[in-house]
Amino acid sequence: MSTVLIVDDSKTSRYMLRHILVENGYEVLDEAENGQEGYEKYCELNPDFVTLDITMPVMDGLETLVKIKEYDEDAKIIMVTASGQKNKMLDAIKLGAADFVTKPYETSQIISIMDSMKDF
């Protein structure tokens, strides 16, 4: 079973994403509500995947992405964010994010991305 760390400042978004992932056979190891906490938990838990919001307090998603990739260049990070942040999404891909989804997203969209990366 693939493991996931969810990093998002919205409790509702974390809850919804956890529900989707668990229903589709993923194990959610933990959640973080800001980038700094997410980075620390990544280093502690070494999950197979990270879902990472862009706009968060303390450390935003792009900063967190860079720190995680410096720690583990093979980290599989999927950016999750509100619509209207296309430039930040493109920046995230350039910085090493595996893919991104825009809220609101379809369950099949995020599961398809993660399923396609399981063997890499």
PDB file of N, CA and C in Angstrom:
ATOM      1  N   MET A   1       0.843  -1.178   0.000  1.00  0.00           N
ATOM      2  CA  MET A   1       0.000   0.000   0.000  1.00  0.00           C
ATOM      3  C   MET A   1       0.891   1.246   0.000  1.00  0.00           C
ATOM      4  N   SER A   2       0.631   2.165  -0.898  1.00  0.00           N
ATOM      5  CA  SER A   2       1.412   3.399  -0.981  1.00  0.00           C
ATOM      6  C   SER A   2       1.012   4.356   0.135  1.00  0.00           C
ATOM      7  N   THR A   3       2.006   5.083   0.639  1.00  0.00           N
ATOM      8  CA  THR A   3       1.776   5.995   1.756  1.00  0.00           C
ATOM      9  C   THR A   3       1.794   7.447   1.291  1.00  0.00           C
ATOM     10  N   VAL A   4       1.031   8.276   2.013  1.00  0.00           N
ATOM     11  CA  VAL A   4       0.862   9.672   1.614  1.00  0.00           C
ATOM     12  C   VAL A   4       0.945  10.586   2.840  1.00  0.00           C
ATOM     13  N   LEU A   5       1.541  11.753   2.639  1.00  0.00           N
ATOM     14  CA  LEU A   5       1.507  12.847   3.599  1.00  0.00           C
ATOM     15  C   LEU A   5       0.698  13.967   2.955  1.00  0.00           C
ATOM     16  N   ILE A   6      -0.313  14.460   3.656  1.00  0.00           N
ATOM     17  CA  ILE A   6      -1.156  15.549   3.158  1.00  0.00           C
ATOM     18  C   ILE A   6      -0.721  16.844   3.838  1.00  0.00           C
ATOM     19  N   VAL A   7      -0.385  17.863   3.034  1.00  0.00           N
ATOM     20  CA  VAL A   7       0.029  19.158   3.577  1.00  0.00           C
ATOM     21  C   VAL A   7      -0.893  20.234   3.005  1.00  0.00           C
ATOM     22  N   ASP A   8      -1.748  20.789   3.866  1.00  0.00           N
ATOM     23  CA  ASP A   8      -2.729  21.791   3.442  1.00  0.00           C
ATOM     24  C   ASP A   8      -3.196  22.531   4.689  1.00  0.00           C
ATOM     25  N   ASP A   9      -3.301  23.847   4.614  1.00  0.00           N
ATOM     26  CA  ASP A   9      -3.741  24.605   5.785  1.00  0.00           C
ATOM     27  C   ASP A   9      -5.242  24.504   6.029  1.00  0.00           C
ATOM     28  N   SER A  10      -5.997  24.016   5.071  1.00  0.00           N
ATOM     29  CA  SER A  10      -7.443  23.862   5.220  1.00  0.00           C
ATOM     30  C   SER A  10      -7.783  22.489   5.799  1.00  0.00           C
ATOM     31  N   LYS A  11      -8.386  22.509   6.985  1.00  0.00           N
ATOM     32  CA  LYS A  11      -8.787  21.257   7.633  1.00  0.00           C
ATOM     33  C   LYS A  11      -9.786  20.495   6.760  1.00  0.00           C
ATOM     34  N   THR A  12     -10.697  21.224   6.128  1.00  0.00           N
ATOM     35  CA  THR A  12     -11.694  20.602   5.254  1.00  0.00           C
ATOM     36  C   THR A  12     -11.024  19.925   4.062  1.00  0.00           C
ATOM     37  N   SER A  13     -10.073  20.601   3.446  1.00  0.00           N
ATOM     38  CA  SER A  13      -9.361  20.009   2.304  1.00  0.00           C
ATOM     39  C   SER A  13      -8.601  18.759   2.716  1.00  0.00           C
ATOM     40  N   ARG A  14      -7.952  18.808   3.880  1.00  0.00           N
ATOM     41  CA  ARG A  14      -7.228  17.627   4.364  1.00  0.00           C
ATOM     42  C   ARG A  14      -8.184  16.462   4.601  1.00  0.00           C
ATOM     43  N   TYR A  15      -9.324  16.747   5.204  1.00  0.00           N
ATOM     44  CA  TYR A  15     -10.315  15.705   5.475  1.00  0.00           C
ATOM     45  C   TYR A  15     -10.803  15.072   4.170  1.00  0.00           C
ATOM     46  N   MET A  16     -11.161  15.907   3.203  1.00  0.00           N
ATOM     47  CA  MET A  16     -11.680  15.396   1.929  1.00  0.00           C
ATOM     48  C   MET A  16     -10.629  14.564   1.201  1.00  0.00           C
ATOM     49  N   LEU A  17      -9.404  15.050   1.169  1.00  0.00           N
ATOM     50  CA  LEU A  17      -8.331  14.334   0.485  1.00  0.00           C
ATOM     51  C   LEU A  17      -8.025  13.011   1.184  1.00  0.00           C
ATOM     52  N   ARG A  18      -7.997  13.026   2.508  1.00  0.00           N
ATOM     53  CA  ARG A  18      -7.778  11.788   3.271  1.00  0.00           C
ATOM     54  C   ARG A  18      -8.844  10.753   2.899  1.00  0.00           C
ATOM     55  N   HIS A  19     -10.094  11.181   2.877  1.00  0.00           N
ATOM     56  CA  HIS A  19     -11.211  10.288   2.557  1.00  0.00           C
ATOM     57  C   HIS A  19     -11.031   9.672   1.163  1.00  0.00           C
ATOM     58  N   ILE A  20     -10.711  10.497   0.188  1.00  0.00           N
ATOM     59  CA  ILE A  20     -10.508  10.025  -1.188  1.00  0.00           C
ATOM     60  C   ILE A  20      -9.369   9.014  -1.252  1.00  0.00           C
ATOM     61  N   LEU A  21      -8.256   9.341  -0.625  1.00  0.00           N
ATOM     62  CA  LEU A  21      -7.079   8.474  -0.695  1.00  0.00           C
ATOM     63  C   LEU A  21      -7.311   7.133  -0.012  1.00  0.00           C
ATOM     64  N   VAL A  22      -7.876   7.158   1.177  1.00  0.00           N
ATOM     65  CA  VAL A  22      -8.123   5.915   1.917  1.00  0.00           C
ATOM     66  C   VAL A  22      -9.105   5.026   1.154  1.00  0.00           C
ATOM     67  N   GLU A  23     -10.158   5.630   0.604  1.00  0.00           N
ATOM     68  CA  GLU A  23     -11.142   4.855  -0.168  1.00  0.00           C
ATOM     69  C   GLU A  23     -10.528   4.209  -1.406  1.00  0.00           C
ATOM     70  N   ASN A  24      -9.408   4.747  -1.864  1.00  0.00           N
ATOM     71  CA  ASN A  24      -8.767   4.227  -3.073  1.00  0.00           C
ATOM     72  C   ASN A  24      -7.478   3.462  -2.787  1.00  0.00           C
ATOM     73  N   GLY A  25      -7.336   2.994  -1.556  1.00  0.00           N
ATOM     74  CA  GLY A  25      -6.255   2.081  -1.227  1.00  0.00           C
ATOM     75  C   GLY A  25      -4.933   2.698  -0.815  1.00  0.00           C
ATOM     76  N   TYR A  26      -4.916   3.979  -0.501  1.00  0.00           N
ATOM     77  CA  TYR A  26      -3.700   4.638  -0.029  1.00  0.00           C
ATOM     78  C   TYR A  26      -3.729   4.747   1.492  1.00  0.00           C
ATOM     79  N   GLU A  27      -2.555   4.709   2.096  1.00  0.00           N
ATOM     80  CA  GLU A  27      -2.446   4.884   3.543  1.00  0.00           C
ATOM     81  C   GLU A  27      -1.949   6.299   3.825  1.00  0.00           C
ATOM     82  N   VAL A  28      -2.767   7.086   4.503  1.00  0.00           N
ATOM     83  CA  VAL A  28      -2.366   8.440   4.869  1.00  0.00           C
ATOM     84  C   VAL A  28      -1.597   8.351   6.186  1.00  0.00           C
ATOM     85  N   LEU A  29      -0.298   8.619   6.122  1.00  0.00           N
ATOM     86  CA  LEU A  29       0.559   8.514   7.304  1.00  0.00           C
ATOM     87  C   LEU A  29       0.314   9.639   8.292  1.00  0.00           C
ATOM     88  N   ASP A  30       0.082  10.844   7.763  1.00  0.00           N
ATOM     89  CA  ASP A  30      -0.116  11.998   8.633  1.00  0.00           C
ATOM     90  C   ASP A  30      -0.575  13.179   7.792  1.00  0.00           C
ATOM     91  N   GLU A  31      -0.882  14.267   8.493  1.00  0.00           N
ATOM     92  CA  GLU A  31      -1.276  15.516   7.863  1.00  0.00           C
ATOM     93  C   GLU A  31      -0.468  16.645   8.488  1.00  0.00           C
ATOM     94  N   ALA A  32      -0.283  17.718   7.727  1.00  0.00           N
ATOM     95  CA  ALA A  32       0.385  18.916   8.235  1.00  0.00           C
ATOM     96  C   ALA A  32      -0.404  20.128   7.768  1.00  0.00           C
ATOM     97  N   GLU A  33      -0.436  21.165   8.603  1.00  0.00           N
ATOM     98  CA  GLU A  33      -1.226  22.344   8.251  1.00  0.00           C
ATOM     99  C   GLU A  33      -0.402  23.525   7.752  1.00  0.00           C
ATOM    100  N   ASN A  34       0.914  23.339   7.654  1.00  0.00           N
ATOM    101  CA  ASN A  34       1.750  24.367   7.032  1.00  0.00           C
ATOM    102  C   ASN A  34       2.995  23.701   6.455  1.00  0.00           C
ATOM    103  N   GLY A  35       3.715  24.449   5.656  1.00  0.00           N
ATOM    104  CA  GLY A  35       4.862  23.888   4.958  1.00  0.00           C
ATOM    105  C   GLY A  35       5.993  23.433   5.859  1.00  0.00           C
ATOM    106  N   GLN A  36       6.269  24.193   6.908  1.00  0.00           N
ATOM    107  CA  GLN A  36       7.352  23.810   7.818  1.00  0.00           C
ATOM    108  C   GLN A  36       7.040  22.471   8.484  1.00  0.00           C
ATOM    109  N   GLU A  37       5.813  22.341   8.969  1.00  0.00           N
ATOM    110  CA  GLU A  37       5.383  21.083   9.587  1.00  0.00           C
ATOM    111  C   GLU A  37       5.416  19.951   8.558  1.00  0.00           C
ATOM    112  N   GLY A  38       5.008  20.249   7.340  1.00  0.00           N
ATOM    113  CA  GLY A  38       5.024  19.247   6.272  1.00  0.00           C
ATOM    114  C   GLY A  38       6.427  18.753   5.969  1.00  0.00           C
ATOM    115  N   TYR A  39       7.369  19.675   5.902  1.00  0.00           N
ATOM    116  CA  TYR A  39       8.765  19.305   5.649  1.00  0.00           C
ATOM    117  C   TYR A  39       9.296  18.409   6.769  1.00  0.00           C
ATOM    118  N   GLU A  40       9.042  18.799   8.002  1.00  0.00           N
ATOM    119  CA  GLU A  40       9.516  18.015   9.146  1.00  0.00           C
ATOM    120  C   GLU A  40       8.916  16.610   9.143  1.00  0.00           C
ATOM    121  N   LYS A  41       7.620  16.521   8.841  1.00  0.00           N
ATOM    122  CA  LYS A  41       6.966  15.209   8.815  1.00  0.00           C
ATOM    123  C   LYS A  41       7.459  14.371   7.639  1.00  0.00           C
ATOM    124  N   TYR A  42       7.756  15.021   6.511  1.00  0.00           N
ATOM    125  CA  TYR A  42       8.307  14.273   5.379  1.00  0.00           C
ATOM    126  C   TYR A  42       9.628  13.618   5.781  1.00  0.00           C
ATOM    127  N   CYS A  43      10.499  14.387   6.403  1.00  0.00           N
ATOM    128  CA  CYS A  43      11.814  13.866   6.809  1.00  0.00           C
ATOM    129  C   CYS A  43      11.679  12.734   7.824  1.00  0.00           C
ATOM    130  N   GLU A  44      10.679  12.822   8.670  1.00  0.00           N
ATOM    131  CA  GLU A  44      10.451  11.797   9.692  1.00  0.00           C
ATOM    132  C   GLU A  44       9.821  10.534   9.109  1.00  0.00           C
ATOM    133  N   LEU A  45       8.839  10.699   8.225  1.00  0.00           N
ATOM    134  CA  LEU A  45       8.010   9.577   7.766  1.00  0.00           C
ATOM    135  C   LEU A  45       8.421   8.986   6.419  1.00  0.00           C
ATOM    136  N   ASN A  46       9.060   9.777   5.556  1.00  0.00           N
ATOM    137  CA  ASN A  46       9.433   9.345   4.204  1.00  0.00           C
ATOM    138  C   ASN A  46       8.289   8.660   3.453  1.00  0.00           C
ATOM    139  N   PRO A  47       7.186   9.375   3.243  1.00  0.00           N
ATOM    140  CA  PRO A  47       6.051   8.786   2.527  1.00  0.00           C
ATOM    141  C   PRO A  47       6.361   8.579   1.042  1.00  0.00           C
ATOM    142  N   ASP A  48       5.554   7.737   0.397  1.00  0.00           N
ATOM    143  CA  ASP A  48       5.703   7.525  -1.044  1.00  0.00           C
ATOM    144  C   ASP A  48       5.278   8.758  -1.839  1.00  0.00           C
ATOM    145  N   PHE A  49       4.261   9.477  -1.332  1.00  0.00           N
ATOM    146  CA  PHE A  49       3.708  10.649  -2.010  1.00  0.00           C
ATOM    147  C   PHE A  49       3.465  11.771  -1.011  1.00  0.00           C
ATOM    148  N   VAL A  50       3.471  12.996  -1.527  1.00  0.00           N
ATOM    149  CA  VAL A  50       3.057  14.162  -0.753  1.00  0.00           C
ATOM    150  C   VAL A  50       2.051  14.922  -1.597  1.00  0.00           C
ATOM    151  N   THR A  51       0.925  15.303  -0.991  1.00  0.00           N
ATOM    152  CA  THR A  51       0.047  16.273  -1.637  1.00  0.00           C
ATOM    153  C   THR A  51       0.316  17.585  -0.922  1.00  0.00           C
ATOM    154  N   LEU A  52       0.570  18.626  -1.691  1.00  0.00           N
ATOM    155  CA  LEU A  52       1.085  19.872  -1.126  1.00  0.00           C
ATOM    156  C   LEU A  52       0.323  21.070  -1.671  1.00  0.00           C
ATOM    157  N   ASP A  53      -0.339  21.792  -0.775  1.00  0.00           N
ATOM    158  CA  ASP A  53      -1.036  23.017  -1.150  1.00  0.00           C
ATOM    159  C   ASP A  53      -0.001  24.102  -1.444  1.00  0.00           C
ATOM    160  N   ILE A  54      -0.358  25.064  -2.272  1.00  0.00           N
ATOM    161  CA  ILE A  54       0.568  26.155  -2.600  1.00  0.00           C
ATOM    162  C   ILE A  54       0.531  27.260  -1.542  1.00  0.00           C
ATOM    163  N   THR A  55      -0.670  27.730  -1.212  1.00  0.00           N
ATOM    164  CA  THR A  55      -0.814  28.881  -0.328  1.00  0.00           C
ATOM    165  C   THR A  55      -1.058  28.419   1.104  1.00  0.00           C
ATOM    166  N   MET A  56      -0.030  28.596   1.947  1.00  0.00           N
ATOM    167  CA  MET A  56      -0.115  28.193   3.354  1.00  0.00           C
ATOM    168  C   MET A  56       0.686  29.168   4.202  1.00  0.00           C
ATOM    169  N   PRO A  57       0.370  29.219   5.500  1.00  0.00           N
ATOM    170  CA  PRO A  57       1.159  30.058   6.406  1.00  0.00           C
ATOM    171  C   PRO A  57       2.498  29.402   6.754  1.00  0.00           C
ATOM    172  N   VAL A  58       3.355  30.148   7.389  1.00  0.00           N
ATOM    173  CA  VAL A  58       4.670  29.741   7.887  1.00  0.00           C
ATOM    174  C   VAL A  58       5.648  29.500   6.735  1.00  0.00           C
ATOM    175  N   MET A  59       5.365  28.509   5.886  1.00  0.00           N
ATOM    176  CA  MET A  59       6.189  28.236   4.708  1.00  0.00           C
ATOM    177  C   MET A  59       5.229  27.811   3.600  1.00  0.00           C
ATOM    178  N   ASP A  60       5.240  28.513   2.470  1.00  0.00           N
ATOM    179  CA  ASP A  60       4.285  28.170   1.412  1.00  0.00           C
ATOM    180  C   ASP A  60       4.702  26.896   0.673  1.00  0.00           C
ATOM    181  N   GLY A  61       3.839  26.460  -0.217  1.00  0.00           N
ATOM    182  CA  GLY A  61       4.060  25.202  -0.915  1.00  0.00           C
ATOM    183  C   GLY A  61       5.303  25.171  -1.786  1.00  0.00           C
ATOM    184  N   LEU A  62       5.627  26.284  -2.431  1.00  0.00           N
ATOM    185  CA  LEU A  62       6.820  26.304  -3.281  1.00  0.00           C
ATOM    186  C   LEU A  62       8.096  26.185  -2.452  1.00  0.00           C
ATOM    187  N   GLU A  63       8.156  26.893  -1.335  1.00  0.00           N
ATOM    188  CA  GLU A  63       9.323  26.775  -0.449  1.00  0.00           C
ATOM    189  C   GLU A  63       9.449  25.350   0.091  1.00  0.00           C
ATOM    190  N   THR A  64       8.307  24.787   0.457  1.00  0.00           N
ATOM    191  CA  THR A  64       8.296  23.423   0.994  1.00  0.00           C
ATOM    192  C   THR A  64       8.750  22.428  -0.060  1.00  0.00           C
ATOM    193  N   LEU A  65       8.269  22.603  -1.276  1.00  0.00           N
ATOM    194  CA  LEU A  65       8.667  21.749  -2.392  1.00  0.00           C
ATOM    195  C   LEU A  65      10.187  21.752  -2.552  1.00  0.00           C
ATOM    196  N   VAL A  66      10.780  22.926  -2.549  1.00  0.00           N
ATOM    197  CA  VAL A  66      12.233  23.044  -2.713  1.00  0.00           C
ATOM    198  C   VAL A  66      12.962  22.329  -1.576  1.00  0.00           C
ATOM    199  N   LYS A  67      12.514  22.535  -0.339  1.00  0.00           N
ATOM    200  CA  LYS A  67      13.182  21.902   0.808  1.00  0.00           C
ATOM    201  C   LYS A  67      13.074  20.381   0.752  1.00  0.00           C
ATOM    202  N   ILE A  68      11.887  19.885   0.413  1.00  0.00           N
ATOM    203  CA  ILE A  68      11.717  18.428   0.336  1.00  0.00           C
ATOM    204  C   ILE A  68      12.588  17.853  -0.778  1.00  0.00           C
ATOM    205  N   LYS A  69      12.626  18.511  -1.937  1.00  0.00           N
ATOM    206  CA  LYS A  69      13.435  18.009  -3.055  1.00  0.00           C
ATOM    207  C   LYS A  69      14.931  18.082  -2.742  1.00  0.00           C
ATOM    208  N   GLU A  70      15.351  19.052  -1.946  1.00  0.00           N
ATOM    209  CA  GLU A  70      16.753  19.100  -1.517  1.00  0.00           C
ATOM    210  C   GLU A  70      17.067  17.916  -0.603  1.00  0.00           C
ATOM    211  N   TYR A  71      16.109  17.557   0.232  1.00  0.00           N
ATOM    212  CA  TYR A  71      16.271  16.431   1.158  1.00  0.00           C
ATOM    213  C   TYR A  71      16.201  15.096   0.418  1.00  0.00           C
ATOM    214  N   ASP A  72      15.250  15.008  -0.540  1.00  0.00           N
ATOM    215  CA  ASP A  72      15.018  13.765  -1.279  1.00  0.00           C
ATOM    216  C   ASP A  72      14.651  14.109  -2.719  1.00  0.00           C
ATOM    217  N   GLU A  73      15.636  14.040  -3.608  1.00  0.00           N
ATOM    218  CA  GLU A  73      15.385  14.437  -5.004  1.00  0.00           C
ATOM    219  C   GLU A  73      14.371  13.543  -5.701  1.00  0.00           C
ATOM    220  N   ASP A  74      14.104  12.353  -5.160  1.00  0.00           N
ATOM    221  CA  ASP A  74      13.133  11.440  -5.762  1.00  0.00           C
ATOM    222  C   ASP A  74      11.725  11.583  -5.186  1.00  0.00           C
ATOM    223  N   ALA A  75      11.505  12.552  -4.319  1.00  0.00           N
ATOM    224  CA  ALA A  75      10.189  12.745  -3.702  1.00  0.00           C
ATOM    225  C   ALA A  75       9.123  12.947  -4.777  1.00  0.00           C
ATOM    226  N   LYS A  76       7.982  12.291  -4.588  1.00  0.00           N
ATOM    227  CA  LYS A  76       6.847  12.412  -5.512  1.00  0.00           C
ATOM    228  C   LYS A  76       5.845  13.376  -4.886  1.00  0.00           C
ATOM    229  N   ILE A  77       5.829  14.583  -5.411  1.00  0.00           N
ATOM    230  CA  ILE A  77       5.014  15.645  -4.831  1.00  0.00           C
ATOM    231  C   ILE A  77       3.976  16.103  -5.839  1.00  0.00           C
ATOM    232  N   ILE A  78       2.719  16.068  -5.405  1.00  0.00           N
ATOM    233  CA  ILE A  78       1.607  16.530  -6.230  1.00  0.00           C
ATOM    234  C   ILE A  78       1.087  17.813  -5.603  1.00  0.00           C
ATOM    235  N   MET A  79       1.130  18.888  -6.357  1.00  0.00           N
ATOM    236  CA  MET A  79       0.660  20.176  -5.874  1.00  0.00           C
ATOM    237  C   MET A  79      -0.859  20.236  -6.009  1.00  0.00           C
ATOM    238  N   VAL A  80      -1.507  20.749  -4.973  1.00  0.00           N
ATOM    239  CA  VAL A  80      -2.963  20.888  -4.959  1.00  0.00           C
ATOM    240  C   VAL A  80      -3.257  22.335  -4.596  1.00  0.00           C
ATOM    241  N   THR A  81      -4.003  23.035  -5.459  1.00  0.00           N
ATOM    242  CA  THR A  81      -4.250  24.442  -5.158  1.00  0.00           C
ATOM    243  C   THR A  81      -5.542  24.942  -5.780  1.00  0.00           C
ATOM    244  N   ALA A  82      -5.924  26.131  -5.362  1.00  0.00           N
ATOM    245  CA  ALA A  82      -7.121  26.766  -5.907  1.00  0.00           C
ATOM    246  C   ALA A  82      -6.859  27.197  -7.346  1.00  0.00           C
ATOM    247  N   SER A  83      -7.932  27.324  -8.098  1.00  0.00           N
ATOM    248  CA  SER A  83      -7.778  27.780  -9.477  1.00  0.00           C
ATOM    249  C   SER A  83      -7.264  29.214  -9.478  1.00  0.00           C
ATOM    250  N   GLY A  84      -6.709  29.632 -10.584  1.00  0.00           N
ATOM    251  CA  GLY A  84      -6.207  30.991 -10.703  1.00  0.00           C
ATOM    252  C   GLY A  84      -4.751  31.149 -10.312  1.00  0.00           C
ATOM    253  N   GLN A  85      -4.066  30.046 -10.067  1.00  0.00           N
ATOM    254  CA  GLN A  85      -2.654  30.125  -9.694  1.00  0.00           C
ATOM    255  C   GLN A  85      -1.789  29.374 -10.700  1.00  0.00           C
ATOM    256  N   LYS A  86      -2.129  29.528 -11.975  1.00  0.00           N
ATOM    257  CA  LYS A  86      -1.433  28.789 -13.025  1.00  0.00           C
ATOM    258  C   LYS A  86       0.073  29.069 -13.039  1.00  0.00           C
ATOM    259  N   ASN A  87       0.472  30.318 -12.849  1.00  0.00           N
ATOM    260  CA  ASN A  87       1.905  30.641 -12.853  1.00  0.00           C
ATOM    261  C   ASN A  87       2.644  29.913 -11.741  1.00  0.00           C
ATOM    262  N   LYS A  88       2.025  29.841 -10.565  1.00  0.00           N
ATOM    263  CA  LYS A  88       2.660  29.130  -9.452  1.00  0.00           C
ATOM    264  C   LYS A  88       2.731  27.632  -9.735  1.00  0.00           C
ATOM    265  N   MET A  89       1.723  27.113 -10.426  1.00  0.00           N
ATOM    266  CA  MET A  89       1.747  25.692 -10.786  1.00  0.00           C
ATOM    267  C   MET A  89       2.910  25.406 -11.739  1.00  0.00           C
ATOM    268  N   LEU A  90       3.097  26.274 -12.712  1.00  0.00           N
ATOM    269  CA  LEU A  90       4.206  26.099 -13.654  1.00  0.00           C
ATOM    270  C   LEU A  90       5.546  26.207 -12.929  1.00  0.00           C
ATOM    271  N   ASP A  91       5.634  27.138 -11.984  1.00  0.00           N
ATOM    272  CA  ASP A  91       6.852  27.248 -11.171  1.00  0.00           C
ATOM    273  C   ASP A  91       7.094  25.952 -10.399  1.00  0.00           C
ATOM    274  N   ALA A  92       6.032  25.385  -9.848  1.00  0.00           N
ATOM    275  CA  ALA A  92       6.156  24.150  -9.065  1.00  0.00           C
ATOM    276  C   ALA A  92       6.679  23.002  -9.924  1.00  0.00           C
ATOM    277  N   ILE A  93       6.188  22.898 -11.145  1.00  0.00           N
ATOM    278  CA  ILE A  93       6.661  21.838 -12.046  1.00  0.00           C
ATOM    279  C   ILE A  93       8.151  22.049 -12.346  1.00  0.00           C
ATOM    280  N   LYS A  94       8.541  23.297 -12.602  1.00  0.00           N
ATOM    281  CA  LYS A  94       9.955  23.598 -12.864  1.00  0.00           C
ATOM    282  C   LYS A  94      10.836  23.263 -11.664  1.00  0.00           C
ATOM    283  N   LEU A  95      10.273  23.398 -10.461  1.00  0.00           N
ATOM    284  CA  LEU A  95      11.027  23.132  -9.233  1.00  0.00           C
ATOM    285  C   LEU A  95      11.037  21.657  -8.840  1.00  0.00           C
ATOM    286  N   GLY A  96      10.304  20.831  -9.603  1.00  0.00           N
ATOM    287  CA  GLY A  96      10.382  19.398  -9.345  1.00  0.00           C
ATOM    288  C   GLY A  96       9.109  18.703  -8.926  1.00  0.00           C
ATOM    289  N   ALA A  97       7.987  19.413  -8.885  1.00  0.00           N
ATOM    290  CA  ALA A  97       6.721  18.739  -8.572  1.00  0.00           C
ATOM    291  C   ALA A  97       6.417  17.726  -9.674  1.00  0.00           C
ATOM    292  N   ALA A  98       5.859  16.597  -9.286  1.00  0.00           N
ATOM    293  CA  ALA A  98       5.541  15.555 -10.262  1.00  0.00           C
ATOM    294  C   ALA A  98       4.341  15.940 -11.113  1.00  0.00           C
ATOM    295  N   ASP A  99       3.365  16.613 -10.498  1.00  0.00           N
ATOM    296  CA  ASP A  99       2.140  16.984 -11.206  1.00  0.00           C
ATOM    297  C   ASP A  99       1.365  17.943 -10.316  1.00  0.00           C
ATOM    298  N   PHE A 100       0.191  18.360 -10.791  1.00  0.00           N
ATOM    299  CA  PHE A 100      -0.657  19.215  -9.964  1.00  0.00           C
ATOM    300  C   PHE A 100      -2.121  18.989 -10.288  1.00  0.00           C
ATOM    301  N   VAL A 101      -2.972  19.313  -9.311  1.00  0.00           N
ATOM    302  CA  VAL A 101      -4.414  19.321  -9.506  1.00  0.00           C
ATOM    303  C   VAL A 101      -4.941  20.639  -8.958  1.00  0.00           C
ATOM    304  N   THR A 102      -6.032  21.092  -9.550  1.00  0.00           N
ATOM    305  CA  THR A 102      -6.647  22.350  -9.154  1.00  0.00           C
ATOM    306  C   THR A 102      -7.960  22.076  -8.440  1.00  0.00           C
ATOM    307  N   LYS A 103      -8.151  22.729  -7.290  1.00  0.00           N
ATOM    308  CA  LYS A 103      -9.406  22.607  -6.546  1.00  0.00           C
ATOM    309  C   LYS A 103     -10.488  23.376  -7.285  1.00  0.00           C
ATOM    310  N   PRO A 104     -11.690  22.895  -7.354  1.00  0.00           N
ATOM    311  CA  PRO A 104     -12.104  21.557  -6.927  1.00  0.00           C
ATOM    312  C   PRO A 104     -11.679  20.529  -7.971  1.00  0.00           C
ATOM    313  N   TYR A 105     -11.226  19.401  -7.530  1.00  0.00           N
ATOM    314  CA  TYR A 105     -10.752  18.357  -8.434  1.00  0.00           C
ATOM    315  C   TYR A 105     -11.663  17.138  -8.332  1.00  0.00           C
ATOM    316  N   GLU A 106     -11.613  16.340  -9.374  1.00  0.00           N
ATOM    317  CA  GLU A 106     -12.355  15.086  -9.385  1.00  0.00           C
ATOM    318  C   GLU A 106     -11.515  14.022  -8.691  1.00  0.00           C
ATOM    319  N   THR A 107     -12.173  13.125  -7.988  1.00  0.00           N
ATOM    320  CA  THR A 107     -11.480  12.020  -7.325  1.00  0.00           C
ATOM    321  C   THR A 107     -10.597  11.280  -8.315  1.00  0.00           C
ATOM    322  N   SER A 108     -11.144  10.988  -9.489  1.00  0.00           N
ATOM    323  CA  SER A 108     -10.404  10.214 -10.486  1.00  0.00           C
ATOM    324  C   SER A 108      -9.129  10.928 -10.928  1.00  0.00           C
ATOM    325  N   GLN A 109      -9.139  12.243 -10.911  1.00  0.00           N
ATOM    326  CA  GLN A 109      -7.980  13.014 -11.360  1.00  0.00           C
ATOM    327  C   GLN A 109      -6.775  12.777 -10.448  1.00  0.00           C
ATOM    328  N   ILE A 110      -6.954  12.936  -9.160  1.00  0.00           N
ATOM    329  CA  ILE A 110      -5.812  12.782  -8.251  1.00  0.00           C
ATOM    330  C   ILE A 110      -5.387  11.326  -8.131  1.00  0.00           C
ATOM    331  N   ILE A 111      -6.340  10.402  -8.138  1.00  0.00           N
ATOM    332  CA  ILE A 111      -6.001   8.977  -8.045  1.00  0.00           C
ATOM    333  C   ILE A 111      -5.264   8.529  -9.302  1.00  0.00           C
ATOM    334  N   SER A 112      -5.686   9.002 -10.451  1.00  0.00           N
ATOM    335  CA  SER A 112      -5.019   8.654 -11.708  1.00  0.00           C
ATOM    336  C   SER A 112      -3.559   9.110 -11.701  1.00  0.00           C
ATOM    337  N   ILE A 113      -3.316  10.320 -11.222  1.00  0.00           N
ATOM    338  CA  ILE A 113      -1.943  10.838 -11.147  1.00  0.00           C
ATOM    339  C   ILE A 113      -1.101   9.959 -10.231  1.00  0.00           C
ATOM    340  N   MET A 114      -1.626   9.661  -9.056  1.00  0.00           N
ATOM    341  CA  MET A 114      -0.856   8.879  -8.091  1.00  0.00           C
ATOM    342  C   MET A 114      -0.656   7.443  -8.564  1.00  0.00           C
ATOM    343  N   ASP A 115      -1.689   6.849  -9.114  1.00  0.00           N
ATOM    344  CA  ASP A 115      -1.558   5.475  -9.624  1.00  0.00           C
ATOM    345  C   ASP A 115      -0.492   5.390 -10.714  1.00  0.00           C
ATOM    346  N   SER A 116      -0.417   6.413 -11.561  1.00  0.00           N
ATOM    347  CA  SER A 116       0.548   6.385 -12.663  1.00  0.00           C
ATOM    348  C   SER A 116       1.993   6.533 -12.182  1.00  0.00           C
ATOM    349  N   MET A 117       2.181   7.027 -10.976  1.00  0.00           N
ATOM    350  CA  MET A 117       3.535   7.240 -10.457  1.00  0.00           C
ATOM    351  C   MET A 117       3.985   6.163  -9.474  1.00  0.00           C
ATOM    352  N   LYS A 118       3.158   5.206  -9.176  1.00  0.00           N
ATOM    353  CA  LYS A 118       3.496   4.187  -8.173  1.00  0.00           C
ATOM    354  C   LYS A 118       4.781   3.440  -8.482  1.00  0.00           C
ATOM    355  N   ASP A 119       5.038   3.156  -9.734  1.00  0.00           N
ATOM    356  CA  ASP A 119       6.182   2.326 -10.102  1.00  0.00           C
ATOM    357  C   ASP A 119       7.454   3.108 -10.395  1.00  0.00           C
ATOM    358  N   PHE A 120       7.428   4.415 -10.198  1.00  0.00           N
ATOM    359  CA  PHE A 120       8.608   5.237 -10.507  1.00  0.00           C
ATOM    360  C   PHE A 120       9.338   5.623  -9.247  1.00  0.00           C
TER     361      PHE A 120
END
